[in-house]
C-alpha atoms as a PDB file:
ATOM      1  CA  MET A   1      27.264 -34.369 -18.043  1.00  0.00           C
ATOM      2  CA  SER A   2      24.063 -35.677 -16.509  1.00  0.00           C
ATOM      3  CA  ASN A   3      21.191 -33.226 -16.248  1.00  0.00           C
ATOM      4  CA  LEU A   4      20.293 -34.713 -12.859  1.00  0.00           C
ATOM      5  CA  PHE A   5      21.846 -34.670  -9.436  1.00  0.00           C
ATOM      6  CA  SER A   6      20.620 -36.226  -6.188  1.00  0.00           C
ATOM      7  CA  ILE A   7      19.672 -34.621  -2.900  1.00  0.00           C
ATOM      8  CA  MET A   8      18.611 -36.246   0.330  1.00  0.00           C
ATOM      9  CA  SER A   9      14.887 -36.001   0.978  1.00  0.00           C
ATOM     10  CA  GLN A  10      13.817 -35.916   4.603  1.00  0.00           C
ATOM     11  CA  ALA A  11      10.938 -38.245   3.840  1.00  0.00           C
ATOM     12  CA  ALA A  12      11.885 -40.538   0.985  1.00  0.00           C
ATOM     13  CA  GLY A  13      15.645 -41.029   0.798  1.00  0.00           C
ATOM     14  CA  TYR A  14      17.377 -39.912  -2.383  1.00  0.00           C
ATOM     15  CA  ILE A  15      15.380 -38.285  -5.146  1.00  0.00           C
ATOM     16  CA  GLU A  16      16.535 -36.999  -8.496  1.00  0.00           C
ATOM     17  CA  ILE A  17      16.754 -33.232  -8.906  1.00  0.00           C
ATOM     18  CA  PRO A  18      17.188 -31.707 -12.382  1.00  0.00           C
ATOM     19  CA  ARG A  19      20.050 -29.311 -12.885  1.00  0.00           C
ATOM     20  CA  TRP A  20      18.797 -25.735 -13.097  1.00  0.00           C
ATOM     21  CA  TYR A  21      19.642 -23.755 -16.232  1.00  0.00           C
ATOM     22  CA  THR A  22      17.718 -20.508 -15.766  1.00  0.00           C
ATOM     23  CA  ASP A  23      19.376 -17.467 -17.317  1.00  0.00           C
ATOM     24  CA  LEU A  24      17.022 -14.498 -17.145  1.00  0.00           C
ATOM     25  CA  SER A  25      19.234 -12.509 -19.517  1.00  0.00           C
ATOM     26  CA  THR A  26      18.022 -14.864 -22.259  1.00  0.00           C
ATOM     27  CA  MET A  27      14.300 -14.445 -21.507  1.00  0.00           C
ATOM     28  CA  SER A  28      12.429 -14.518 -24.791  1.00  0.00           C
ATOM     29  CA  SER A  29       9.327 -12.646 -25.728  1.00  0.00           C
ATOM     30  CA  ALA A  30       6.388 -15.027 -25.602  1.00  0.00           C
ATOM     31  CA  VAL A  31       7.344 -18.191 -27.482  1.00  0.00           C
ATOM     32  CA  GLN A  32       3.749 -19.403 -27.516  1.00  0.00           C
ATOM     33  CA  THR A  33       0.351 -18.292 -26.273  1.00  0.00           C
ATOM     34  CA  LEU A  34      -2.901 -20.121 -25.600  1.00  0.00           C
ATOM     35  CA  ALA A  35      -6.355 -18.629 -25.072  1.00  0.00           C
ATOM     36  CA  THR A  36      -7.709 -19.522 -21.622  1.00  0.00           C
ATOM     37  CA  SER A  37     -11.420 -19.282 -22.554  1.00  0.00           C
ATOM     38  CA  PRO A  38     -13.833 -20.118 -20.989  1.00  0.00           C
ATOM     39  CA  GLU A  39     -11.641 -19.113 -18.043  1.00  0.00           C
ATOM     40  CA  THR A  40     -11.711 -15.355 -18.621  1.00  0.00           C
ATOM     41  CA  THR A  41     -10.061 -14.446 -15.317  1.00  0.00           C
ATOM     42  CA  PRO A  42      -6.989 -16.717 -15.299  1.00  0.00           C
ATOM     43  CA  TYR A  43      -5.208 -16.295 -11.981  1.00  0.00           C
ATOM     44  CA  SER A  44      -2.672 -19.083 -12.006  1.00  0.00           C
ATOM     45  CA  CYS A  45      -1.098 -21.987 -13.851  1.00  0.00           C
ATOM     46  CA  CYS A  46       1.560 -24.634 -13.383  1.00  0.00           C
ATOM     47  CA  TRP A  47       3.453 -27.336 -15.250  1.00  0.00           C
ATOM     48  CA  GLY A  48       3.229 -31.043 -14.569  1.00  0.00           C
ATOM     49  CA  ASP A  49       6.732 -32.195 -13.656  1.00  0.00           C
ATOM     50  CA  ASP A  50       7.786 -33.495 -17.078  1.00  0.00           C
ATOM     51  CA  GLY A  51       6.090 -30.750 -19.080  1.00  0.00           C
ATOM     52  CA  ASN A  52       3.604 -33.120 -20.657  1.00  0.00           C
ATOM     53  CA  TYR A  53       0.774 -31.511 -18.689  1.00  0.00           C
ATOM     54  CA  PHE A  54      -0.171 -28.061 -17.465  1.00  0.00           C
ATOM     55  CA  TYR A  55      -2.987 -26.667 -15.358  1.00  0.00           C
ATOM     56  CA  LEU A  56      -4.963 -23.431 -15.162  1.00  0.00           C
ATOM     57  CA  THR A  57      -7.326 -21.896 -12.621  1.00  0.00           C
ATOM     58  CA  GLY A  58      -9.334 -18.701 -12.268  1.00  0.00           C
ATOM     59  CA  SER A  59     -12.434 -17.103 -10.807  1.00  0.00           C
ATOM     60  CA  ALA A  60     -14.627 -17.130 -13.934  1.00  0.00           C
ATOM     61  CA  THR A  61     -15.150 -20.906 -13.844  1.00  0.00           C
ATOM     62  CA  ASP A  62     -13.997 -21.807 -10.289  1.00  0.00           C
ATOM     63  CA  THR A  63     -12.290 -24.876 -11.708  1.00  0.00           C
ATOM     64  CA  ILE A  64      -8.841 -26.311 -12.230  1.00  0.00           C
ATOM     65  CA  ARG A  65      -8.489 -27.103 -15.934  1.00  0.00           C
ATOM     66  CA  GLY A  66      -6.002 -29.738 -17.097  1.00  0.00           C
ATOM     67  CA  TYR A  67      -4.240 -29.996 -20.462  1.00  0.00           C
ATOM     68  CA  SER A  68      -1.870 -32.481 -22.076  1.00  0.00           C
ATOM     69  CA  THR A  69       0.859 -31.243 -24.408  1.00  0.00           C
ATOM     70  CA  SER A  70       1.892 -32.548 -27.830  1.00  0.00           C
ATOM     71  CA  SER A  71       5.547 -32.184 -26.779  1.00  0.00           C
ATOM     72  CA  ALA A  72       7.145 -31.254 -23.473  1.00  0.00           C
ATOM     73  CA  TYR A  73       6.453 -27.672 -22.345  1.00  0.00           C
ATOM     74  CA  SER A  74       4.677 -26.786 -25.580  1.00  0.00           C
ATOM     75  CA  LEU A  75       1.365 -24.895 -25.553  1.00  0.00           C
ATOM     76  CA  SER A  76       0.913 -25.496 -29.288  1.00  0.00           C
ATOM     77  CA  GLY A  77      -1.447 -28.367 -29.955  1.00  0.00           C
ATOM     78  CA  ALA A  78      -2.362 -28.756 -26.269  1.00  0.00           C
ATOM     79  CA  THR A  79      -5.393 -30.944 -25.578  1.00  0.00           C
ATOM     80  CA  TYR A  80      -7.970 -30.046 -22.958  1.00  0.00           C
ATOM     81  CA  MET A  81      -8.435 -33.027 -20.620  1.00  0.00           C
ATOM     82  CA  GLY A  82     -11.214 -31.799 -18.337  1.00  0.00           C
ATOM     83  CA  ASN A  83     -11.633 -29.919 -15.084  1.00  0.00           C
ATOM     84  CA  LEU A  84     -12.164 -30.144 -11.353  1.00  0.00           C
ATOM     85  CA  SER A  85     -14.627 -27.885  -9.559  1.00  0.00           C
ATOM     86  CA  ILE A  86     -13.100 -26.056  -6.597  1.00  0.00           C
ATOM     87  CA  SER A  87     -16.169 -23.996  -5.722  1.00  0.00           C
ATOM     88  CA  GLY A  88     -16.660 -25.979  -2.528  1.00  0.00           C
ATOM     89  CA  GLN A  89     -13.303 -24.739  -1.254  1.00  0.00           C
ATOM     90  CA  GLU A  90     -12.670 -21.420  -3.054  1.00  0.00           C
ATOM     91  CA  ALA A  91     -15.503 -19.807  -4.985  1.00  0.00           C
ATOM     92  CA  SER A  92     -13.950 -16.413  -5.551  1.00  0.00           C
ATOM     93  CA  THR A  93     -10.188 -16.059  -5.870  1.00  0.00           C
ATOM     94  CA  PRO A  94      -8.077 -19.165  -6.548  1.00  0.00           C
ATOM     95  CA  ARG A  95      -4.612 -17.638  -6.618  1.00  0.00           C
ATOM     96  CA  SER A  96      -2.005 -20.322  -7.176  1.00  0.00           C
ATOM     97  CA  LEU A  97      -1.473 -23.946  -8.296  1.00  0.00           C
ATOM     98  CA  ARG A  98       1.277 -26.530  -7.848  1.00  0.00           C
ATOM     99  CA  VAL A  99       1.455 -30.268  -8.619  1.00  0.00           C
ATOM    100  CA  SER A 100       3.405 -32.907  -6.711  1.00  0.00           C
ATOM    101  CA  LEU A 101       6.429 -34.574  -8.269  1.00  0.00           C
ATOM    102  CA  ASP A 102       4.575 -37.820  -9.007  1.00  0.00           C
ATOM    103  CA  GLY A 103       1.399 -36.133 -10.261  1.00  0.00           C
ATOM    104  CA  THR A 104      -0.878 -37.617  -7.620  1.00  0.00           C
ATOM    105  CA  LYS A 105      -1.589 -34.350  -5.800  1.00  0.00           C
ATOM    106  CA  ILE A 106      -2.451 -30.807  -6.810  1.00  0.00           C
ATOM    107  CA  TYR A 107      -2.492 -27.815  -4.468  1.00  0.00           C
ATOM    108  CA  MET A 108      -4.549 -24.630  -4.757  1.00  0.00           C
ATOM    109  CA  LEU A 109      -4.105 -21.426  -2.781  1.00  0.00           C
ATOM    110  CA  GLY A 110      -7.366 -19.585  -2.147  1.00  0.00           C
ATOM    111  CA  ASP A 111      -7.177 -15.910  -1.253  1.00  0.00           C
ATOM    112  CA  THR A 112     -10.708 -15.663   0.151  1.00  0.00           C
ATOM    113  CA  GLY A 113     -10.143 -18.145   2.968  1.00  0.00           C
ATOM    114  CA  ASP A 114      -6.328 -17.845   3.001  1.00  0.00           C
ATOM    115  CA  ASN A 115      -5.977 -21.616   2.766  1.00  0.00           C
ATOM    116  CA  VAL A 116      -3.921 -24.065   0.735  1.00  0.00           C
ATOM    117  CA  TYR A 117      -6.096 -27.001  -0.349  1.00  0.00           C
ATOM    118  CA  GLN A 118      -4.919 -30.454  -1.412  1.00  0.00           C
ATOM    119  CA  TYR A 119      -6.581 -32.589  -4.092  1.00  0.00           C
ATOM    120  CA  ASP A 120      -5.648 -36.197  -4.883  1.00  0.00           C
ATOM    121  CA  MET A 121      -5.481 -37.602  -8.419  1.00  0.00           C
ATOM    122  CA  THR A 122      -6.025 -41.361  -8.621  1.00  0.00           C
ATOM    123  CA  THR A 123      -4.513 -41.302 -12.129  1.00  0.00           C
ATOM    124  CA  PRO A 124      -1.286 -39.271 -12.041  1.00  0.00           C
ATOM    125  CA  PHE A 125      -1.568 -35.856 -13.724  1.00  0.00           C
ATOM    126  CA  ASP A 126      -5.178 -36.519 -14.816  1.00  0.00           C
ATOM    127  CA  ILE A 127      -7.296 -33.707 -13.362  1.00  0.00           C
ATOM    128  CA  THR A 128     -10.505 -35.585 -14.169  1.00  0.00           C
ATOM    129  CA  SER A 129      -9.498 -38.179 -11.552  1.00  0.00           C
ATOM    130  CA  ALA A 130      -8.989 -35.550  -8.844  1.00  0.00           C
ATOM    131  CA  SER A 131     -11.060 -35.015  -5.721  1.00  0.00           C
ATOM    132  CA  TYR A 132     -10.699 -32.879  -2.615  1.00  0.00           C
ATOM    133  CA  SER A 133      -8.718 -34.766   0.036  1.00  0.00           C
ATOM    134  CA  SER A 134     -10.286 -32.779   2.914  1.00  0.00           C
ATOM    135  CA  LYS A 135      -6.776 -31.589   3.768  1.00  0.00           C
ATOM    136  CA  SER A 136      -5.802 -27.933   3.973  1.00  0.00           C
ATOM    137  CA  LEU A 137      -3.406 -25.476   5.554  1.00  0.00           C
ATOM    138  CA  SER A 138      -4.419 -22.081   6.899  1.00  0.00           C
ATOM    139  CA  VAL A 139      -1.885 -19.369   6.020  1.00  0.00           C
ATOM    140  CA  GLY A 140      -3.980 -16.346   6.989  1.00  0.00           C
ATOM    141  CA  THR A 141      -2.187 -15.929  10.296  1.00  0.00           C
ATOM    142  CA  GLN A 142       0.928 -15.032   8.331  1.00  0.00           C
ATOM    143  CA  ASP A 143      -0.694 -12.949   5.578  1.00  0.00           C
ATOM    144  CA  GLY A 144      -4.262 -11.981   4.745  1.00  0.00           C
ATOM    145  CA  ASN A 145      -3.592 -11.273   1.063  1.00  0.00           C
ATOM    146  CA  CYS A 146      -1.951 -14.423  -0.287  1.00  0.00           C
ATOM    147  CA  LEU A 147      -0.876 -14.447  -3.943  1.00  0.00           C
ATOM    148  CA  GLY A 148       1.289 -17.485  -4.598  1.00  0.00           C
ATOM    149  CA  ILE A 149       2.717 -20.761  -3.339  1.00  0.00           C
ATOM    150  CA  ASP A 150       5.469 -23.161  -4.295  1.00  0.00           C
ATOM    151  CA  ILE A 151       6.444 -26.570  -2.963  1.00  0.00           C
ATOM    152  CA  SER A 152       9.919 -28.076  -2.912  1.00  0.00           C
ATOM    153  CA  ARG A 153      10.609 -31.021  -5.170  1.00  0.00           C
ATOM    154  CA  ASP A 154      10.803 -33.444  -2.255  1.00  0.00           C
ATOM    155  CA  GLY A 155       7.498 -32.191  -0.833  1.00  0.00           C
ATOM    156  CA  THR A 156       8.841 -31.161   2.562  1.00  0.00           C
ATOM    157  CA  LYS A 157       8.859 -27.344   2.151  1.00  0.00           C
ATOM    158  CA  LEU A 158       6.100 -24.947   1.153  1.00  0.00           C
ATOM    159  CA  TYR A 159       6.528 -21.233   0.403  1.00  0.00           C
ATOM    160  CA  MET A 160       3.815 -18.560   0.291  1.00  0.00           C
ATOM    161  CA  ILE A 161       4.083 -14.964  -0.899  1.00  0.00           C
ATOM    162  CA  GLY A 162       1.661 -12.274   0.234  1.00  0.00           C
ATOM    163  CA  THR A 163       1.147  -8.531  -0.011  1.00  0.00           C
ATOM    164  CA  GLN A 164      -0.430  -7.692   3.342  1.00  0.00           C
ATOM    165  CA  ASN A 165       3.004  -7.769   4.978  1.00  0.00           C
ATOM    166  CA  ASP A 166       5.081  -7.934   1.758  1.00  0.00           C
ATOM    167  CA  LYS A 167       6.809 -11.170   2.745  1.00  0.00           C
ATOM    168  CA  ILE A 168       7.542 -14.753   1.695  1.00  0.00           C
ATOM    169  CA  TYR A 169       6.849 -17.380   4.373  1.00  0.00           C
ATOM    170  CA  GLN A 170       8.240 -20.899   4.788  1.00  0.00           C
ATOM    171  CA  TYR A 171       6.475 -24.032   6.059  1.00  0.00           C
ATOM    172  CA  THR A 172       7.630 -27.604   6.710  1.00  0.00           C
ATOM    173  CA  LEU A 173       5.547 -30.682   5.841  1.00  0.00           C
ATOM    174  CA  SER A 174       6.445 -33.424   8.316  1.00  0.00           C
ATOM    175  CA  THR A 175       4.979 -35.953   5.858  1.00  0.00           C
ATOM    176  CA  ALA A 176       6.092 -35.149   2.332  1.00  0.00           C
ATOM    177  CA  PHE A 177       3.311 -33.737   0.112  1.00  0.00           C
ATOM    178  CA  ASP A 178       0.681 -34.026   2.882  1.00  0.00           C
ATOM    179  CA  ILE A 179      -0.514 -30.440   3.361  1.00  0.00           C
ATOM    180  CA  SER A 180      -2.289 -31.313   6.616  1.00  0.00           C
ATOM    181  CA  THR A 181       1.128 -31.923   8.228  1.00  0.00           C
ATOM    182  CA  ALA A 182       2.486 -28.469   7.344  1.00  0.00           C
ATOM    183  CA  SER A 183       3.448 -25.934   9.975  1.00  0.00           C
ATOM    184  CA  PHE A 184       4.973 -22.461   9.840  1.00  0.00           C
ATOM    185  CA  ASP A 185       8.755 -22.547  10.296  1.00  0.00           C
ATOM    186  CA  SER A 186       8.836 -19.042  11.799  1.00  0.00           C
ATOM    187  CA  LYS A 187      10.999 -18.163   8.810  1.00  0.00           C
ATOM    188  CA  GLU A 188      10.097 -15.294   6.531  1.00  0.00           C
ATOM    189  CA  VAL A 189      11.696 -12.602   4.417  1.00  0.00           C
ATOM    190  CA  SER A 190      10.494  -9.233   3.200  1.00  0.00           C
ATOM    191  CA  TRP A 191      10.516  -8.615  -0.537  1.00  0.00           C
ATOM    192  CA  ALA A 192       9.578  -4.932  -0.116  1.00  0.00           C
ATOM    193  CA  GLY A 193      12.113  -2.644  -1.720  1.00  0.00           C
ATOM    194  CA  THR A 194      13.858  -5.464  -3.601  1.00  0.00           C
ATOM    195  CA  GLY A 195      12.284  -4.673  -6.991  1.00  0.00           C
ATOM    196  CA  PRO A 196       8.765  -6.100  -7.309  1.00  0.00           C
ATOM    197  CA  THR A 197       5.839  -4.000  -6.095  1.00  0.00           C
ATOM    198  CA  THR A 198       2.951  -6.303  -7.068  1.00  0.00           C
ATOM    199  CA  PRO A 199       4.165  -9.919  -7.128  1.00  0.00           C
ATOM    200  CA  ALA A 200       2.370 -12.586  -9.144  1.00  0.00           C
ATOM    201  CA  GLY A 201       3.899 -15.571  -7.391  1.00  0.00           C
ATOM    202  CA  VAL A 202       7.008 -17.299  -6.081  1.00  0.00           C
ATOM    203  CA  LYS A 203       9.193 -20.193  -7.283  1.00  0.00           C
ATOM    204  CA  ILE A 204      12.048 -22.024  -5.564  1.00  0.00           C
ATOM    205  CA  SER A 205      14.751 -23.586  -7.758  1.00  0.00           C
ATOM    206  CA  ALA A 206      15.059 -27.365  -7.852  1.00  0.00           C
ATOM    207  CA  GLY A 207      18.218 -27.293  -5.728  1.00  0.00           C
ATOM    208  CA  GLY A 208      16.858 -24.680  -3.330  1.00  0.00           C
ATOM    209  CA  ASP A 209      19.610 -22.106  -3.861  1.00  0.00           C
ATOM    210  CA  LYS A 210      17.508 -19.548  -5.764  1.00  0.00           C
ATOM    211  CA  VAL A 211      14.063 -18.031  -5.479  1.00  0.00           C
ATOM    212  CA  TYR A 212      12.121 -16.243  -8.221  1.00  0.00           C
ATOM    213  CA  ILE A 213       9.475 -13.564  -7.878  1.00  0.00           C
ATOM    214  CA  ALA A 214       7.510 -12.573 -10.971  1.00  0.00           C
ATOM    215  CA  ALA A 215       5.575  -9.319 -10.767  1.00  0.00           C
ATOM    216  CA  ASN A 216       2.945  -7.495 -12.778  1.00  0.00           C
ATOM    217  CA  SER A 217       4.243  -4.202 -11.414  1.00  0.00           C
ATOM    218  CA  PRO A 218       6.778  -3.738 -12.819  1.00  0.00           C
ATOM    219  CA  ASP A 219       6.445  -6.392 -15.554  1.00  0.00           C
ATOM    220  CA  THR A 220       9.605  -8.150 -14.433  1.00  0.00           C
ATOM    221  CA  THR A 221      10.850 -11.503 -13.149  1.00  0.00           C
ATOM    222  CA  TYR A 222      13.510 -11.357 -10.416  1.00  0.00           C
ATOM    223  CA  GLU A 223      16.058 -13.942  -9.252  1.00  0.00           C
ATOM    224  CA  PHE A 224      17.404 -13.935  -5.688  1.00  0.00           C
ATOM    225  CA  ALA A 225      20.096 -16.130  -4.127  1.00  0.00           C
ATOM    226  CA  LEU A 226      19.593 -18.111  -0.907  1.00  0.00           C
ATOM    227  CA  SER A 227      22.766 -18.484   1.145  1.00  0.00           C
ATOM    228  CA  VAL A 228      21.307 -21.621   2.786  1.00  0.00           C
ATOM    229  CA  ASP A 229      19.442 -23.967   0.448  1.00  0.00           C
ATOM    230  CA  PHE A 230      15.654 -23.926   0.942  1.00  0.00           C
ATOM    231  CA  ASP A 231      15.897 -21.445   3.837  1.00  0.00           C
ATOM    232  CA  ILE A 232      13.833 -18.431   2.753  1.00  0.00           C
ATOM    233  CA  SER A 233      15.120 -16.315   5.623  1.00  0.00           C
ATOM    234  CA  THR A 234      18.553 -16.288   3.909  1.00  0.00           C
ATOM    235  CA  MET A 235      17.294 -14.642   0.705  1.00  0.00           C
ATOM    236  CA  ALA A 236      19.551 -11.847  -0.546  1.00  0.00           C
ATOM    237  CA  SER A 237      18.186  -8.317  -0.335  1.00  0.00           C
ATOM    238  CA  THR A 238      19.060  -7.500  -3.937  1.00  0.00           C
ATOM    239  CA  PRO A 239      18.325  -9.603  -7.043  1.00  0.00           C
ATOM    240  CA  THR A 240      21.130 -11.398  -8.862  1.00  0.00           C
ATOM    241  CA  ALA A 241      19.227 -11.055 -12.151  1.00  0.00           C
ATOM    242  CA  SER A 242      16.008  -9.683 -13.583  1.00  0.00           C
ATOM    243  CA  ALA A 243      14.254  -9.462 -16.943  1.00  0.00           C
ATOM    244  CA  SER A 244      11.072  -7.985 -18.365  1.00  0.00           C
ATOM    245  CA  HIS A 245       8.467 -10.549 -19.354  1.00  0.00           C
ATOM    246  CA  SER A 246       6.182  -8.078 -21.135  1.00  0.00           C
ATOM    247  CA  THR A 247       8.095  -7.755 -24.433  1.00  0.00           C
ATOM    248  CA  GLY A 248       5.754 -10.160 -26.209  1.00  0.00           C
ATOM    249  CA  GLY A 249       2.714  -9.312 -24.113  1.00  0.00           C
ATOM    250  CA  ASN A 250       2.138 -10.751 -20.626  1.00  0.00           C
ATOM    251  CA  ALA A 251       1.890  -7.252 -19.160  1.00  0.00           C
ATOM    252  CA  LEU A 252      -0.565  -8.194 -16.405  1.00  0.00           C
ATOM    253  CA  MET A 253       0.816 -11.475 -15.096  1.00  0.00           C
ATOM    254  CA  GLN A 254      -1.252 -13.112 -12.350  1.00  0.00           C
ATOM    255  CA  GLY A 255       0.535 -16.411 -11.817  1.00  0.00           C
ATOM    256  CA  PHE A 256       3.531 -18.353 -13.101  1.00  0.00           C
ATOM    257  CA  ASP A 257       5.594 -21.525 -12.871  1.00  0.00           C
ATOM    258  CA  ILE A 258       9.050 -22.601 -14.069  1.00  0.00           C
ATOM    259  CA  SER A 259       9.896 -25.991 -15.537  1.00  0.00           C
ATOM    260  CA  ALA A 260      11.813 -28.659 -13.644  1.00  0.00           C
ATOM    261  CA  ASP A 261      15.110 -27.713 -15.316  1.00  0.00           C
ATOM    262  CA  GLY A 262      14.534 -23.955 -15.078  1.00  0.00           C
ATOM    263  CA  THR A 263      14.338 -23.292 -18.829  1.00  0.00           C
ATOM    264  CA  GLU A 264      10.615 -22.725 -19.474  1.00  0.00           C
ATOM    265  CA  MET A 265       8.177 -20.336 -17.804  1.00  0.00           C
ATOM    266  CA  ILE A 266       4.396 -20.537 -18.069  1.00  0.00           C
ATOM    267  CA  ALA A 267       2.316 -17.538 -16.971  1.00  0.00           C
ATOM    268  CA  THR A 268      -1.260 -16.256 -16.972  1.00  0.00           C
ATOM    269  CA  ASP A 269      -2.369 -12.783 -17.998  1.00  0.00           C
ATOM    270  CA  THR A 270      -5.759 -11.299 -17.135  1.00  0.00           C
ATOM    271  CA  ALA A 271      -5.396  -8.352 -19.516  1.00  0.00           C
ATOM    272  CA  ASP A 272      -5.800 -10.548 -22.597  1.00  0.00           C
ATOM    273  CA  ASP A 273      -6.891 -13.908 -21.069  1.00  0.00           C
ATOM    274  CA  LEU A 274      -3.890 -15.797 -22.397  1.00  0.00           C
ATOM    275  CA  LEU A 275      -1.340 -18.281 -21.171  1.00  0.00           C
ATOM    276  CA  TYR A 276       2.222 -17.342 -22.119  1.00  0.00           C
ATOM    277  CA  ARG A 277       5.277 -19.538 -22.465  1.00  0.00           C
ATOM    278  CA  HIS A 278       8.702 -17.857 -22.185  1.00  0.00           C
ATOM    279  CA  THR A 279      12.070 -19.550 -22.674  1.00  0.00           C
ATOM    280  CA  ILE A 280      14.391 -18.466 -19.841  1.00  0.00           C
ATOM    281  CA  GLY A 281      17.406 -20.733 -20.278  1.00  0.00           C
ATOM    282  CA  THR A 282      18.992 -23.503 -22.334  1.00  0.00           C
ATOM    283  CA  ALA A 283      19.910 -26.966 -21.120  1.00  0.00           C
ATOM    284  CA  PRO A 284      23.104 -28.351 -22.708  1.00  0.00           C
END
């Protein structure tokens, strides 16, 4: 069986979508850890699409730091590539990171200004080639305490989770991956009372039929079903699965991401200034 299936992108025709193999019942204690120093307040992280890169941001350095991996999704033997200063856009609380499918764009959610900022990389996945594109999206009208974002694989949907109103919000990008073309869909869902009390971020599955909320209170990752793919307003009110991510540490998660096939989680922790990698599924 192929590990890929195709979906129709609104902007670019057919694109390949990995099959999703997340099984939270198999969540491991931390498989690997990596010290985040000199970033001593690591707020967020994300994978590059193929797992050969990952990125980290926080308020101690006000940078996005890029790393290459020795093997896909491995923190062991990772090589620091360099960094991009974000102090001109968010000098206090960079909350969330995501990278485009082709590695030419990286997005940062800033809590101070309640904006999502877009940076362009002239060399795919190389943070040292990145610069601010002067494109942003204001999300403060929806929530004044924004904690996480995710972007669909085809670049046409953006999701933001916040704690001012305890909701997840959905946006459409009329031009794929161009944050300046995003607008609020008037679609939202409350996560209050569903399990998490202090979320650390949000993740949509590759096929758009599941959404994940990881929390640092309680130290748990939750899976919810969407009855309509990519439509956040159809999120179920109770989780289909959940698992503690604090068994091997990671008790104060601040940000997370899940690999393209749903089997590997990367997460930051400000209690011990570490990145954690958890295995949360097995691809056949």
